[in-house]
C-alpha atoms as a PDB file:
ATOM      1  CA  UNK A   1      43.253-179.922  41.026  1.00  0.00           C
ATOM      2  CA  UNK A   2      42.363-177.419  43.720  1.00  0.00           C
ATOM      3  CA  UNK A   3      40.848-178.256  47.102  1.00  0.00           C
ATOM      4  CA  UNK A   4      38.854-176.252  49.647  1.00  0.00           C
ATOM      5  CA  UNK A   5      38.402-173.078  47.665  1.00  0.00           C
ATOM      6  CA  UNK A   6      37.145-170.301  49.989  1.00  0.00           C
ATOM      7  CA  UNK A   7      37.608-167.177  47.863  1.00  0.00           C
ATOM      8  CA  UNK A   8      35.951-166.116  44.620  1.00  0.00           C
ATOM      9  CA  UNK A   9      38.028-166.298  41.412  1.00  0.00           C
ATOM     10  CA  UNK A  10      37.643-164.886  37.940  1.00  0.00           C
ATOM     11  CA  UNK A  11      36.599-168.339  36.704  1.00  0.00           C
ATOM     12  CA  UNK A  12      33.814-168.620  39.294  1.00  0.00           C
ATOM     13  CA  UNK A  13      30.420-166.913  39.620  1.00  0.00           C
ATOM     14  CA  UNK A  14      28.799-167.234  43.035  1.00  0.00           C
ATOM     15  CA  UNK A  15      25.033-167.675  43.447  1.00  0.00           C
ATOM     16  CA  UNK A  16      24.054-167.082  39.822  1.00  0.00           C
ATOM     17  CA  UNK A  17      20.445-166.176  39.002  1.00  0.00           C
ATOM     18  CA  UNK A  18      18.156-169.070  38.037  1.00  0.00           C
ATOM     19  CA  UNK A  19      17.105-167.445  34.791  1.00  0.00           C
ATOM     20  CA  UNK A  20      20.688-167.461  33.590  1.00  0.00           C
ATOM     21  CA  UNK A  21      21.183-171.133  34.564  1.00  0.00           C
ATOM     22  CA  UNK A  22      17.934-172.704  33.265  1.00  0.00           C
ATOM     23  CA  UNK A  23      16.331-172.206  29.862  1.00  0.00           C
ATOM     24  CA  UNK A  24      12.966-170.442  29.790  1.00  0.00           C
ATOM     25  CA  UNK A  25      11.435-173.723  28.607  1.00  0.00           C
ATOM     26  CA  UNK A  26      12.807-175.433  31.733  1.00  0.00           C
ATOM     27  CA  UNK A  27      12.239-172.608  34.168  1.00  0.00           C
ATOM     28  CA  UNK A  28      10.377-175.056  36.440  1.00  0.00           C
ATOM     29  CA  UNK A  29      13.854-176.327  37.514  1.00  0.00           C
ATOM     30  CA  UNK A  30      14.287-173.196  39.662  1.00  0.00           C
ATOM     31  CA  UNK A  31      11.635-174.725  41.980  1.00  0.00           C
ATOM     32  CA  UNK A  32      13.786-177.833  42.492  1.00  0.00           C
ATOM     33  CA  UNK A  33      17.464-176.851  41.991  1.00  0.00           C
ATOM     34  CA  UNK A  34      19.309-173.978  43.692  1.00  0.00           C
ATOM     35  CA  UNK A  35      22.274-172.660  41.618  1.00  0.00           C
ATOM     36  CA  UNK A  36      25.278-172.329  43.973  1.00  0.00           C
ATOM     37  CA  UNK A  37      28.238-171.609  41.728  1.00  0.00           C
ATOM     38  CA  UNK A  38      29.121-171.319  38.040  1.00  0.00           C
ATOM     39  CA  UNK A  39      32.524-172.509  36.745  1.00  0.00           C
ATOM     40  CA  UNK A  40      34.281-171.602  33.539  1.00  0.00           C
ATOM     41  CA  UNK A  41      34.847-174.934  31.786  1.00  0.00           C
ATOM     42  CA  UNK A  42      38.114-173.661  30.254  1.00  0.00           C
ATOM     43  CA  UNK A  43      39.541-173.670  33.755  1.00  0.00           C
ATOM     44  CA  UNK A  44      39.299-177.470  33.719  1.00  0.00           C
ATOM     45  CA  UNK A  45      40.165-177.979  30.060  1.00  0.00           C
ATOM     46  CA  UNK A  46      41.213-175.126  27.701  1.00  0.00           C
ATOM     47  CA  UNK A  47      39.462-176.963  24.847  1.00  0.00           C
ATOM     48  CA  UNK A  48      36.064-176.663  26.537  1.00  0.00           C
ATOM     49  CA  UNK A  49      33.914-173.568  26.228  1.00  0.00           C
ATOM     50  CA  UNK A  50      31.155-171.989  28.316  1.00  0.00           C
ATOM     51  CA  UNK A  51      30.030-172.056  31.937  1.00  0.00           C
ATOM     52  CA  UNK A  52      28.815-175.031  33.960  1.00  0.00           C
ATOM     53  CA  UNK A  53      26.662-174.654  37.042  1.00  0.00           C
ATOM     54  CA  UNK A  54      26.756-176.609  40.297  1.00  0.00           C
ATOM     55  CA  UNK A  55      23.263-176.873  41.767  1.00  0.00           C
ATOM     56  CA  UNK A  56      21.824-178.040  45.107  1.00  0.00           C
ATOM     57  CA  UNK A  57      18.501-180.010  44.838  1.00  0.00           C
ATOM     58  CA  UNK A  58      15.690-179.136  47.194  1.00  0.00           C
ATOM     59  CA  UNK A  59      14.823-182.820  47.442  1.00  0.00           C
ATOM     60  CA  UNK A  60      15.256-185.138  49.167  1.00  0.00           C
ATOM     61  CA  UNK A  61      13.823-184.299  52.521  1.00  0.00           C
ATOM     62  CA  UNK A  62      14.841-187.778  53.522  1.00  0.00           C
ATOM     63  CA  UNK A  63      16.612-190.629  51.682  1.00  0.00           C
ATOM     64  CA  UNK A  64      17.836-189.975  48.107  1.00  0.00           C
ATOM     65  CA  UNK A  65      16.469-187.755  45.400  1.00  0.00           C
ATOM     66  CA  UNK A  66      14.382-189.923  43.080  1.00  0.00           C
ATOM     67  CA  UNK A  67      14.035-192.738  45.617  1.00  0.00           C
ATOM     68  CA  UNK A  68      10.264-192.122  45.938  1.00  0.00           C
ATOM     69  CA  UNK A  69       9.541-191.554  42.233  1.00  0.00           C
ATOM     70  CA  UNK A  70      10.991-194.731  40.630  1.00  0.00           C
ATOM     71  CA  UNK A  71       8.114-194.881  38.115  1.00  0.00           C
ATOM     72  CA  UNK A  72       9.512-191.784  36.440  1.00  0.00           C
ATOM     73  CA  UNK A  73      13.131-192.863  36.173  1.00  0.00           C
ATOM     74  CA  UNK A  74      14.830-192.995  32.785  1.00  0.00           C
ATOM     75  CA  UNK A  75      18.405-192.957  31.433  1.00  0.00           C
ATOM     76  CA  UNK A  76      18.824-189.379  32.566  1.00  0.00           C
ATOM     77  CA  UNK A  77      17.372-189.434  36.082  1.00  0.00           C
ATOM     78  CA  UNK A  78      17.524-192.168  38.649  1.00  0.00           C
ATOM     79  CA  UNK A  79      17.975-192.715  42.398  1.00  0.00           C
ATOM     80  CA  UNK A  80      20.568-190.250  43.766  1.00  0.00           C
ATOM     81  CA  UNK A  81      21.650-188.970  40.296  1.00  0.00           C
ATOM     82  CA  UNK A  82      20.395-187.045  37.308  1.00  0.00           C
ATOM     83  CA  UNK A  83      21.768-185.579  34.091  1.00  0.00           C
ATOM     84  CA  UNK A  84      21.141-182.108  32.621  1.00  0.00           C
ATOM     85  CA  UNK A  85      21.784-180.920  29.106  1.00  0.00           C
ATOM     86  CA  UNK A  86      24.084-177.878  28.799  1.00  0.00           C
ATOM     87  CA  UNK A  87      23.404-175.862  25.688  1.00  0.00           C
ATOM     88  CA  UNK A  88      25.626-173.455  23.745  1.00  0.00           C
ATOM     89  CA  UNK A  89      24.345-170.556  25.842  1.00  0.00           C
ATOM     90  CA  UNK A  90      25.475-172.327  29.002  1.00  0.00           C
ATOM     91  CA  UNK A  91      21.940-173.006  30.149  1.00  0.00           C
ATOM     92  CA  UNK A  92      20.417-176.268  31.416  1.00  0.00           C
ATOM     93  CA  UNK A  93      17.652-178.344  29.894  1.00  0.00           C
ATOM     94  CA  UNK A  94      15.831-181.145  31.729  1.00  0.00           C
ATOM     95  CA  UNK A  95      16.001-184.526  29.988  1.00  0.00           C
ATOM     96  CA  UNK A  96      13.697-186.610  32.114  1.00  0.00           C
ATOM     97  CA  UNK A  97      10.083-186.631  33.222  1.00  0.00           C
ATOM     98  CA  UNK A  98       9.277-183.613  35.459  1.00  0.00           C
ATOM     99  CA  UNK A  99       7.494-185.942  37.850  1.00  0.00           C
ATOM    100  CA  UNK A 100      10.932-187.268  38.969  1.00  0.00           C
ATOM    101  CA  UNK A 101      10.576-184.481  41.513  1.00  0.00           C
ATOM    102  CA  UNK A 102       8.079-185.173  44.295  1.00  0.00           C
ATOM    103  CA  UNK A 103       6.834-181.567  44.122  1.00  0.00           C
ATOM    104  CA  UNK A 104       5.548-182.219  40.603  1.00  0.00           C
ATOM    105  CA  UNK A 105       3.180-184.856  42.026  1.00  0.00           C
ATOM    106  CA  UNK A 106       0.511-183.300  44.231  1.00  0.00           C
ATOM    107  CA  UNK A 107      -0.989-186.685  44.993  1.00  0.00           C
ATOM    108  CA  UNK A 108       2.333-188.073  46.290  1.00  0.00           C
ATOM    109  CA  UNK A 109       2.170-189.198  49.952  1.00  0.00           C
ATOM    110  CA  UNK A 110       5.187-187.039  50.833  1.00  0.00           C
ATOM    111  CA  UNK A 111       4.039-183.951  48.912  1.00  0.00           C
ATOM    112  CA  UNK A 112       2.958-181.797  51.879  1.00  0.00           C
ATOM    113  CA  UNK A 113       6.092-182.609  53.919  1.00  0.00           C
ATOM    114  CA  UNK A 114       8.412-181.886  50.974  1.00  0.00           C
ATOM    115  CA  UNK A 115       6.520-178.679  50.172  1.00  0.00           C
ATOM    116  CA  UNK A 116       7.172-177.355  53.654  1.00  0.00           C
ATOM    117  CA  UNK A 117      10.814-178.349  53.334  1.00  0.00           C
ATOM    118  CA  UNK A 118      11.018-176.622  49.984  1.00  0.00           C
ATOM    119  CA  UNK A 119       9.546-173.393  51.275  1.00  0.00           C
ATOM    120  CA  UNK A 120      12.058-173.341  54.125  1.00  0.00           C
ATOM    121  CA  UNK A 121      14.899-174.055  51.721  1.00  0.00           C
ATOM    122  CA  UNK A 122      13.949-171.274  49.301  1.00  0.00           C
ATOM    123  CA  UNK A 123      13.472-168.761  52.146  1.00  0.00           C
ATOM    124  CA  UNK A 124      16.868-169.655  53.577  1.00  0.00           C
ATOM    125  CA  UNK A 125      18.542-169.443  50.206  1.00  0.00           C
ATOM    126  CA  UNK A 126      17.096-165.989  49.532  1.00  0.00           C
ATOM    127  CA  UNK A 127      18.564-164.843  52.852  1.00  0.00           C
ATOM    128  CA  UNK A 128      21.950-166.244  51.838  1.00  0.00           C
ATOM    129  CA  UNK A 129      21.779-164.362  48.510  1.00  0.00           C
ATOM    130  CA  UNK A 130      20.777-161.167  50.262  1.00  0.00           C
ATOM    131  CA  UNK A 131      23.716-161.386  52.656  1.00  0.00           C
ATOM    132  CA  UNK A 132      25.940-162.058  49.615  1.00  0.00           C
ATOM    133  CA  UNK A 133      24.722-158.878  47.942  1.00  0.00           C
ATOM    134  CA  UNK A 134      25.393-156.935  51.093  1.00  0.00           C
ATOM    135  CA  UNK A 135      28.668-158.437  52.238  1.00  0.00           C
ATOM    136  CA  UNK A 136      30.058-160.118  49.092  1.00  0.00           C
ATOM    137  CA  UNK A 137      30.440-163.276  51.109  1.00  0.00           C
ATOM    138  CA  UNK A 138      28.488-166.508  51.284  1.00  0.00           C
ATOM    139  CA  UNK A 139      27.251-166.819  54.882  1.00  0.00           C
ATOM    140  CA  UNK A 140      24.928-169.732  55.559  1.00  0.00           C
ATOM    141  CA  UNK A 141      22.166-169.595  58.149  1.00  0.00           C
ATOM    142  CA  UNK A 142      24.097-172.002  60.341  1.00  0.00           C
ATOM    143  CA  UNK A 143      27.045-169.577  60.387  1.00  0.00           C
ATOM    144  CA  UNK A 144      24.766-166.707  61.348  1.00  0.00           C
ATOM    145  CA  UNK A 145      23.231-168.719  64.229  1.00  0.00           C
ATOM    146  CA  UNK A 146      26.554-169.959  65.583  1.00  0.00           C
ATOM    147  CA  UNK A 147      28.589-166.823  64.894  1.00  0.00           C
ATOM    148  CA  UNK A 148      30.977-168.852  62.808  1.00  0.00           C
ATOM    149  CA  UNK A 149      33.569-166.552  61.248  1.00  0.00           C
ATOM    150  CA  UNK A 150      35.424-169.238  59.310  1.00  0.00           C
ATOM    151  CA  UNK A 151      35.372-168.679  55.507  1.00  0.00           C
ATOM    152  CA  UNK A 152      32.790-170.747  53.602  1.00  0.00           C
ATOM    153  CA  UNK A 153      34.279-173.584  51.611  1.00  0.00           C
ATOM    154  CA  UNK A 154      32.795-172.735  48.242  1.00  0.00           C
ATOM    155  CA  UNK A 155      34.165-175.825  46.503  1.00  0.00           C
ATOM    156  CA  UNK A 156      35.525-178.925  48.143  1.00  0.00           C
ATOM    157  CA  UNK A 157      37.436-179.764  44.954  1.00  0.00           C
ATOM    158  CA  UNK A 158      37.901-178.367  41.534  1.00  0.00           C
ATOM    159  CA  UNK A 159      39.324-180.582  38.732  1.00  0.00           C
ATOM    160  CA  UNK A 160      41.262-183.766  39.137  1.00  0.00           C
ATOM    161  CA  UNK A 161      39.383-187.008  39.788  1.00  0.00           C
ATOM    162  CA  UNK A 162      36.558-187.928  42.150  1.00  0.00           C
ATOM    163  CA  UNK A 163      37.462-190.172  45.098  1.00  0.00           C
ATOM    164  CA  UNK A 164      35.515-193.333  45.794  1.00  0.00           C
ATOM    165  CA  UNK A 165      32.759-192.764  48.305  1.00  0.00           C
ATOM    166  CA  UNK A 166      29.166-193.382  49.357  1.00  0.00           C
ATOM    167  CA  UNK A 167      27.993-191.712  46.102  1.00  0.00           C
ATOM    168  CA  UNK A 168      29.186-194.726  44.077  1.00  0.00           C
ATOM    169  CA  UNK A 169      26.005-196.580  45.070  1.00  0.00           C
ATOM    170  CA  UNK A 170      23.391-196.704  43.629  1.00  0.00           C
ATOM    171  CA  UNK A 171      24.746-194.972  40.503  1.00  0.00           C
ATOM    172  CA  UNK A 172      26.966-197.971  39.761  1.00  0.00           C
ATOM    173  CA  UNK A 173      23.793-199.994  38.973  1.00  0.00           C
ATOM    174  CA  UNK A 174      23.032-197.857  35.911  1.00  0.00           C
ATOM    175  CA  UNK A 175      26.358-196.360  34.771  1.00  0.00           C
ATOM    176  CA  UNK A 176      29.788-197.900  34.464  1.00  0.00           C
ATOM    177  CA  UNK A 177      32.220-196.993  37.231  1.00  0.00           C
ATOM    178  CA  UNK A 178      35.909-197.764  36.909  1.00  0.00           C
ATOM    179  CA  UNK A 179      38.122-197.675  40.006  1.00  0.00           C
ATOM    180  CA  UNK A 180      41.604-196.219  39.613  1.00  0.00           C
ATOM    181  CA  UNK A 181      44.095-197.066  42.371  1.00  0.00           C
ATOM    182  CA  UNK A 182      46.767-194.358  42.818  1.00  0.00           C
ATOM    183  CA  UNK A 183      49.050-193.534  45.770  1.00  0.00           C
ATOM    184  CA  UNK A 184      46.886-195.448  48.261  1.00  0.00           C
ATOM    185  CA  UNK A 185      43.820-193.572  47.002  1.00  0.00           C
ATOM    186  CA  UNK A 186      40.915-194.901  44.944  1.00  0.00           C
ATOM    187  CA  UNK A 187      39.558-192.605  42.269  1.00  0.00           C
ATOM    188  CA  UNK A 188      36.487-193.287  40.125  1.00  0.00           C
ATOM    189  CA  UNK A 189      35.855-192.682  36.432  1.00  0.00           C
ATOM    190  CA  UNK A 190      32.274-192.754  35.126  1.00  0.00           C
ATOM    191  CA  UNK A 191      31.108-193.875  31.681  1.00  0.00           C
ATOM    192  CA  UNK A 192      27.684-194.042  30.059  1.00  0.00           C
ATOM    193  CA  UNK A 193      26.329-197.055  28.184  1.00  0.00           C
ATOM    194  CA  UNK A 194      28.098-195.906  24.986  1.00  0.00           C
ATOM    195  CA  UNK A 195      31.446-195.848  26.856  1.00  0.00           C
ATOM    196  CA  UNK A 196      31.611-192.074  26.801  1.00  0.00           C
ATOM    197  CA  UNK A 197      33.309-190.677  29.886  1.00  0.00           C
ATOM    198  CA  UNK A 198      31.920-188.142  32.340  1.00  0.00           C
ATOM    199  CA  UNK A 199      34.834-186.019  33.570  1.00  0.00           C
ATOM    200  CA  UNK A 200      34.819-184.774  37.166  1.00  0.00           C
ATOM    201  CA  UNK A 201      34.488-180.992  37.336  1.00  0.00           C
ATOM    202  CA  UNK A 202      33.870-180.008  40.937  1.00  0.00           C
ATOM    203  CA  UNK A 203      32.223-180.831  44.256  1.00  0.00           C
ATOM    204  CA  UNK A 204      30.708-178.760  47.035  1.00  0.00           C
ATOM    205  CA  UNK A 205      28.786-179.298  50.315  1.00  0.00           C
ATOM    206  CA  UNK A 206      25.156-178.241  49.877  1.00  0.00           C
ATOM    207  CA  UNK A 207      24.925-177.275  53.538  1.00  0.00           C
ATOM    208  CA  UNK A 208      27.670-174.691  53.105  1.00  0.00           C
ATOM    209  CA  UNK A 209      25.197-172.621  51.134  1.00  0.00           C
ATOM    210  CA  UNK A 210      21.803-173.701  52.464  1.00  0.00           C
ATOM    211  CA  UNK A 211      20.133-175.112  55.552  1.00  0.00           C
ATOM    212  CA  UNK A 212      20.063-178.546  53.852  1.00  0.00           C
ATOM    213  CA  UNK A 213      22.091-180.334  51.271  1.00  0.00           C
ATOM    214  CA  UNK A 214      24.366-183.288  50.555  1.00  0.00           C
ATOM    215  CA  UNK A 215      27.717-183.605  52.246  1.00  0.00           C
ATOM    216  CA  UNK A 216      29.197-183.638  48.766  1.00  0.00           C
ATOM    217  CA  UNK A 217      27.518-182.643  45.512  1.00  0.00           C
ATOM    218  CA  UNK A 218      29.594-184.097  42.715  1.00  0.00           C
ATOM    219  CA  UNK A 219      29.356-182.678  39.160  1.00  0.00           C
ATOM    220  CA  UNK A 220      30.704-184.394  36.005  1.00  0.00           C
ATOM    221  CA  UNK A 221      30.750-183.262  32.369  1.00  0.00           C
ATOM    222  CA  UNK A 222      30.638-185.225  29.121  1.00  0.00           C
ATOM    223  CA  UNK A 223      32.189-183.004  26.393  1.00  0.00           C
ATOM    224  CA  UNK A 224      30.865-184.966  23.384  1.00  0.00           C
ATOM    225  CA  UNK A 225      27.219-184.538  24.373  1.00  0.00           C
ATOM    226  CA  UNK A 226      27.542-181.471  26.702  1.00  0.00           C
ATOM    227  CA  UNK A 227      25.650-183.448  29.344  1.00  0.00           C
ATOM    228  CA  UNK A 228      26.187-182.745  33.012  1.00  0.00           C
ATOM    229  CA  UNK A 229      25.864-185.493  35.647  1.00  0.00           C
ATOM    230  CA  UNK A 230      25.135-184.836  39.301  1.00  0.00           C
ATOM    231  CA  UNK A 231      25.303-187.340  42.114  1.00  0.00           C
ATOM    232  CA  UNK A 232      25.443-186.958  45.894  1.00  0.00           C
ATOM    233  CA  UNK A 233      27.434-188.229  48.783  1.00  0.00           C
ATOM    234  CA  UNK A 234      25.666-188.487  52.167  1.00  0.00           C
ATOM    235  CA  UNK A 235      28.279-189.332  54.728  1.00  0.00           C
END
């Protein structure tokens, strides 16, 4: 396990292009998910192959992602969590209804508000990527505004187990969570309905890269199915 990674490594790719992260069939995901960092799965487990990508959702503007689109929930997308399929080319496929995202519903009461939020997020993210091309460092808008020279924490944690936190609800209502007590800490393992485990890969703060994002984006991987689970801690 590594914590508070601030420098790029050979097993990390910063700010990957959307067309390398999402399949052409699911290119619409680039409107909703901002790719922050790619991780070589072999760094976590030498038996695993390919790259996995940590993404920052544009939504929610308020509350949780999926909280205002409950009619489009399924076993792969729910309130404050969703699952992507990772293929053999290390690209993501969407497994749920596209209308899980508010911006796929023009008649949604929050559409206009979320659209403005989305435009601001994409504009900010493009500025972050441009600064990265020029300076080879991730510098968020907040750091520019406040002259913050501290290094960006690219990953809060890589490998190991996820600690218990606010993210455990509401995901515990659909998936099985098992608490593991160890050295006065409480770690959490996640299993699907077939008792297959999702292994913790990494976490990052969305706002380290963008002008908005969860305090902790947690990413898990299920090797049997190559599915990738995301959930979010809002402290």
